[in-house]
């Protein structure tokens, strides 16, 4: 299954409370369940004004549909082509 990184511009994201992040997460999970098993949220990284999410999905259209249904921005969607980590240097 292809992996995608989604950049979501959310002003003040880094200042959201635990309760607010929990509510956003619940909404995302509910939308994913309604969409079936072909799309999966792996993790997200919250920064100052953005959230970077990593998903497995069959295509970009599935990511956009999840964003539409959830009311989340999906400002940039990038397909992961390859992964590297410290062991790549060996």
N, C-alpha and C. Protein backbone atom coordinates (compact mmCIF):
# COMPACT_ATOMS: atom_id res chain seq x y z
N UNK A 1 0.85 -1.18 0.00
CA UNK A 1 0.00 0.00 0.00
C UNK A 1 0.89 1.23 0.00
N UNK A 2 0.63 2.19 -0.86
CA UNK A 2 1.43 3.42 -0.90
C UNK A 2 1.34 4.20 0.41
N UNK A 3 2.44 4.88 0.72
CA UNK A 3 2.51 5.72 1.92
C UNK A 3 2.54 7.17 1.49
N UNK A 4 1.83 8.02 2.25
CA UNK A 4 1.75 9.44 1.94
C UNK A 4 2.06 10.27 3.17
N UNK A 5 2.64 11.45 2.95
CA UNK A 5 2.81 12.45 3.99
C UNK A 5 1.89 13.61 3.62
N UNK A 6 1.04 13.98 4.58
CA UNK A 6 0.08 15.06 4.36
C UNK A 6 0.48 16.25 5.22
N UNK A 7 0.59 17.39 4.60
CA UNK A 7 0.89 18.64 5.32
C UNK A 7 -0.42 19.39 5.50
N UNK A 8 -0.78 19.62 6.76
CA UNK A 8 -2.01 20.32 7.07
C UNK A 8 -1.67 21.64 7.75
N UNK A 9 -2.05 22.75 7.15
CA UNK A 9 -1.81 24.06 7.75
C UNK A 9 -2.94 24.35 8.74
N UNK A 10 -2.58 24.36 10.02
CA UNK A 10 -3.54 24.61 11.09
C UNK A 10 -2.91 25.65 12.03
N UNK A 11 -3.24 26.92 11.84
CA UNK A 11 -2.64 27.96 12.69
C UNK A 11 -2.81 27.63 14.17
N UNK A 12 -1.71 27.71 14.90
CA UNK A 12 -1.73 27.44 16.33
C UNK A 12 -1.79 25.98 16.70
N UNK A 13 -1.53 25.09 15.76
CA UNK A 13 -1.61 23.65 16.03
C UNK A 13 -0.78 23.24 17.24
N UNK A 14 0.39 23.82 17.37
CA UNK A 14 1.28 23.47 18.47
C UNK A 14 0.75 23.89 19.83
N UNK A 15 -0.26 24.77 19.84
CA UNK A 15 -0.84 25.24 21.10
C UNK A 15 -2.17 24.56 21.43
N UNK A 16 -2.60 23.61 20.60
CA UNK A 16 -3.85 22.91 20.88
C UNK A 16 -3.70 22.11 22.17
N UNK A 17 -4.77 22.04 22.93
CA UNK A 17 -4.74 21.28 24.18
C UNK A 17 -4.82 19.78 23.89
N UNK A 18 -4.52 18.99 24.90
CA UNK A 18 -4.65 17.54 24.75
C UNK A 18 -6.09 17.18 24.39
N UNK A 19 -7.05 17.84 25.00
CA UNK A 19 -8.47 17.57 24.71
C UNK A 19 -8.81 17.91 23.26
N UNK A 20 -8.28 19.01 22.77
CA UNK A 20 -8.55 19.40 21.37
C UNK A 20 -7.92 18.41 20.40
N UNK A 21 -6.69 17.98 20.69
CA UNK A 21 -6.04 16.99 19.83
C UNK A 21 -6.77 15.65 19.88
N UNK A 22 -7.28 15.30 21.05
CA UNK A 22 -8.04 14.06 21.19
C UNK A 22 -9.32 14.13 20.34
N UNK A 23 -10.00 15.26 20.37
CA UNK A 23 -11.22 15.42 19.60
C UNK A 23 -10.93 15.34 18.09
N UNK A 24 -9.88 15.97 17.65
CA UNK A 24 -9.48 15.90 16.23
C UNK A 24 -9.16 14.46 15.87
N UNK A 25 -8.46 13.76 16.73
CA UNK A 25 -8.10 12.36 16.48
C UNK A 25 -9.33 11.49 16.40
N UNK A 26 -10.27 11.71 17.29
CA UNK A 26 -11.52 10.92 17.28
C UNK A 26 -12.28 11.12 15.98
N UNK A 27 -12.34 12.37 15.52
CA UNK A 27 -13.03 12.66 14.26
C UNK A 27 -12.34 11.94 13.11
N UNK A 28 -11.02 11.99 13.08
CA UNK A 28 -10.26 11.34 12.01
C UNK A 28 -10.51 9.84 12.01
N UNK A 29 -10.46 9.23 13.18
CA UNK A 29 -10.66 7.77 13.29
C UNK A 29 -12.08 7.39 12.86
N UNK A 30 -13.06 8.19 13.24
CA UNK A 30 -14.44 7.90 12.85
C UNK A 30 -14.60 7.94 11.33
N UNK A 31 -13.99 8.94 10.70
CA UNK A 31 -14.06 9.04 9.24
C UNK A 31 -13.35 7.85 8.60
N UNK A 32 -12.19 7.48 9.13
CA UNK A 32 -11.46 6.33 8.59
C UNK A 32 -12.29 5.06 8.68
N UNK A 33 -12.94 4.84 9.81
CA UNK A 33 -13.78 3.64 9.98
C UNK A 33 -14.90 3.63 8.96
N UNK A 34 -15.50 4.79 8.71
CA UNK A 34 -16.58 4.88 7.73
C UNK A 34 -16.09 4.62 6.31
N UNK A 35 -14.82 4.91 6.06
CA UNK A 35 -14.26 4.74 4.71
C UNK A 35 -13.82 3.31 4.44
N UNK A 36 -13.67 2.50 5.46
CA UNK A 36 -13.24 1.11 5.26
C UNK A 36 -11.78 0.92 5.61
N UNK A 37 -11.22 -0.19 5.16
CA UNK A 37 -9.88 -0.59 5.56
C UNK A 37 -8.78 -0.19 4.58
N UNK A 38 -9.13 0.47 3.52
CA UNK A 38 -8.11 0.79 2.51
C UNK A 38 -7.26 2.00 2.83
N UNK A 39 -7.61 2.73 3.88
CA UNK A 39 -6.83 3.90 4.26
C UNK A 39 -6.53 3.79 5.75
N UNK A 40 -5.28 4.07 6.10
CA UNK A 40 -4.84 3.90 7.49
C UNK A 40 -3.97 5.07 7.92
N UNK A 41 -4.26 5.61 9.07
CA UNK A 41 -3.47 6.69 9.68
C UNK A 41 -2.40 6.05 10.54
N UNK A 42 -1.15 6.36 10.26
CA UNK A 42 -0.04 5.79 11.03
C UNK A 42 0.37 6.67 12.19
N UNK A 43 0.60 7.96 11.92
CA UNK A 43 1.01 8.89 12.97
C UNK A 43 0.99 10.30 12.42
N UNK A 44 1.06 11.26 13.36
CA UNK A 44 1.11 12.66 12.97
C UNK A 44 2.12 13.38 13.85
N UNK A 45 2.69 14.44 13.29
CA UNK A 45 3.66 15.28 13.99
C UNK A 45 3.09 16.69 14.04
N UNK A 46 2.89 17.20 15.24
CA UNK A 46 2.31 18.53 15.43
C UNK A 46 3.45 19.52 15.62
N UNK A 47 3.47 20.57 14.80
CA UNK A 47 4.47 21.62 14.92
C UNK A 47 3.74 22.93 15.25
N UNK A 48 4.40 24.04 15.10
CA UNK A 48 3.80 25.33 15.44
C UNK A 48 2.48 25.59 14.76
N UNK A 49 2.47 25.63 13.43
CA UNK A 49 1.27 25.95 12.67
C UNK A 49 0.91 24.88 11.64
N UNK A 50 1.48 23.70 11.79
CA UNK A 50 1.21 22.62 10.83
C UNK A 50 1.14 21.29 11.55
N UNK A 51 0.46 20.36 10.90
CA UNK A 51 0.45 18.97 11.34
C UNK A 51 0.85 18.15 10.13
N UNK A 52 1.83 17.28 10.31
CA UNK A 52 2.30 16.38 9.25
C UNK A 52 1.83 14.98 9.59
N UNK A 53 1.01 14.41 8.72
CA UNK A 53 0.41 13.10 8.96
C UNK A 53 0.97 12.08 7.98
N UNK A 54 1.14 10.87 8.46
CA UNK A 54 1.61 9.77 7.63
C UNK A 54 0.47 8.76 7.51
N UNK A 55 0.10 8.46 6.27
CA UNK A 55 -1.02 7.56 5.99
C UNK A 55 -0.60 6.50 4.98
N UNK A 56 -1.26 5.37 5.06
CA UNK A 56 -1.23 4.36 4.00
C UNK A 56 -2.57 4.48 3.28
N UNK A 57 -2.54 4.56 1.97
CA UNK A 57 -3.77 4.71 1.21
C UNK A 57 -3.53 4.22 -0.22
N UNK A 58 -4.58 3.80 -0.89
CA UNK A 58 -4.40 3.34 -2.26
C UNK A 58 -4.02 4.45 -3.23
N UNK A 59 -4.44 5.70 -2.91
CA UNK A 59 -4.17 6.81 -3.82
C UNK A 59 -4.41 8.14 -3.11
N UNK A 60 -4.01 9.21 -3.77
CA UNK A 60 -4.18 10.56 -3.23
C UNK A 60 -5.65 10.92 -3.09
N UNK A 61 -6.49 10.42 -3.97
CA UNK A 61 -7.92 10.73 -3.91
C UNK A 61 -8.52 10.27 -2.58
N UNK A 62 -8.06 9.15 -2.06
CA UNK A 62 -8.56 8.64 -0.78
C UNK A 62 -8.18 9.59 0.36
N UNK A 63 -6.97 10.12 0.29
CA UNK A 63 -6.51 11.08 1.30
C UNK A 63 -7.37 12.34 1.24
N UNK A 64 -7.63 12.82 0.04
CA UNK A 64 -8.44 14.02 -0.12
C UNK A 64 -9.88 13.79 0.37
N UNK A 65 -10.41 12.61 0.13
CA UNK A 65 -11.77 12.30 0.58
C UNK A 65 -11.83 12.26 2.11
N UNK A 66 -10.83 11.69 2.74
CA UNK A 66 -10.77 11.68 4.20
C UNK A 66 -10.74 13.12 4.73
N UNK A 67 -9.93 13.97 4.13
CA UNK A 67 -9.84 15.36 4.56
C UNK A 67 -11.17 16.07 4.37
N UNK A 68 -11.82 15.82 3.25
CA UNK A 68 -13.12 16.46 2.97
C UNK A 68 -14.16 16.05 4.00
N UNK A 69 -14.27 14.76 4.23
CA UNK A 69 -15.26 14.25 5.19
C UNK A 69 -14.99 14.72 6.61
N UNK A 70 -13.73 14.82 6.97
CA UNK A 70 -13.37 15.21 8.32
C UNK A 70 -13.30 16.70 8.55
N UNK A 71 -13.30 17.46 7.46
CA UNK A 71 -13.17 18.91 7.58
C UNK A 71 -11.75 19.33 7.91
N UNK A 72 -10.78 18.50 7.52
CA UNK A 72 -9.37 18.79 7.77
C UNK A 72 -8.73 19.37 6.53
N UNK A 73 -7.80 20.30 6.67
CA UNK A 73 -7.06 20.75 5.48
C UNK A 73 -6.09 19.66 5.04
N UNK A 74 -5.82 19.62 3.76
CA UNK A 74 -4.78 18.75 3.20
C UNK A 74 -4.05 19.61 2.18
N UNK A 75 -3.22 20.51 2.68
CA UNK A 75 -2.59 21.50 1.83
C UNK A 75 -1.58 20.92 0.86
N UNK A 76 -0.90 19.88 1.27
CA UNK A 76 0.06 19.22 0.39
C UNK A 76 0.04 17.73 0.71
N UNK A 77 -0.06 16.92 -0.33
CA UNK A 77 -0.02 15.47 -0.19
C UNK A 77 1.14 14.97 -1.03
N UNK A 78 2.07 14.28 -0.38
CA UNK A 78 3.26 13.80 -1.08
C UNK A 78 3.36 12.28 -0.92
N UNK A 79 3.51 11.60 -2.04
CA UNK A 79 3.73 10.15 -2.00
C UNK A 79 5.16 9.88 -1.57
N UNK A 80 5.33 8.96 -0.64
CA UNK A 80 6.67 8.58 -0.19
C UNK A 80 7.25 7.64 -1.25
N UNK A 81 8.40 8.00 -1.79
CA UNK A 81 9.04 7.18 -2.83
C UNK A 81 10.03 6.18 -2.23
N UNK A 82 10.76 6.64 -1.21
CA UNK A 82 11.75 5.79 -0.55
C UNK A 82 11.90 6.28 0.87
N UNK A 83 12.44 5.41 1.70
CA UNK A 83 12.73 5.80 3.07
C UNK A 83 14.21 5.58 3.33
N UNK A 84 14.78 6.46 4.15
CA UNK A 84 16.15 6.28 4.59
C UNK A 84 16.18 6.51 6.10
N UNK A 85 17.20 5.98 6.73
CA UNK A 85 17.41 6.19 8.17
C UNK A 85 18.92 6.06 8.42
N UNK A 86 19.37 6.15 9.67
CA UNK A 86 20.80 6.08 9.92
C UNK A 86 21.48 4.83 9.38
N UNK A 87 20.75 3.72 9.30
CA UNK A 87 21.37 2.50 8.77
C UNK A 87 21.67 2.61 7.28
N UNK A 88 21.05 3.56 6.58
CA UNK A 88 21.33 3.76 5.16
C UNK A 88 22.79 4.18 4.95
N UNK A 89 23.37 4.80 5.95
CA UNK A 89 24.76 5.27 5.85
C UNK A 89 25.78 4.14 5.94
N UNK A 90 25.34 3.01 6.38
CA UNK A 90 26.27 1.88 6.57
C UNK A 90 26.57 1.14 5.29
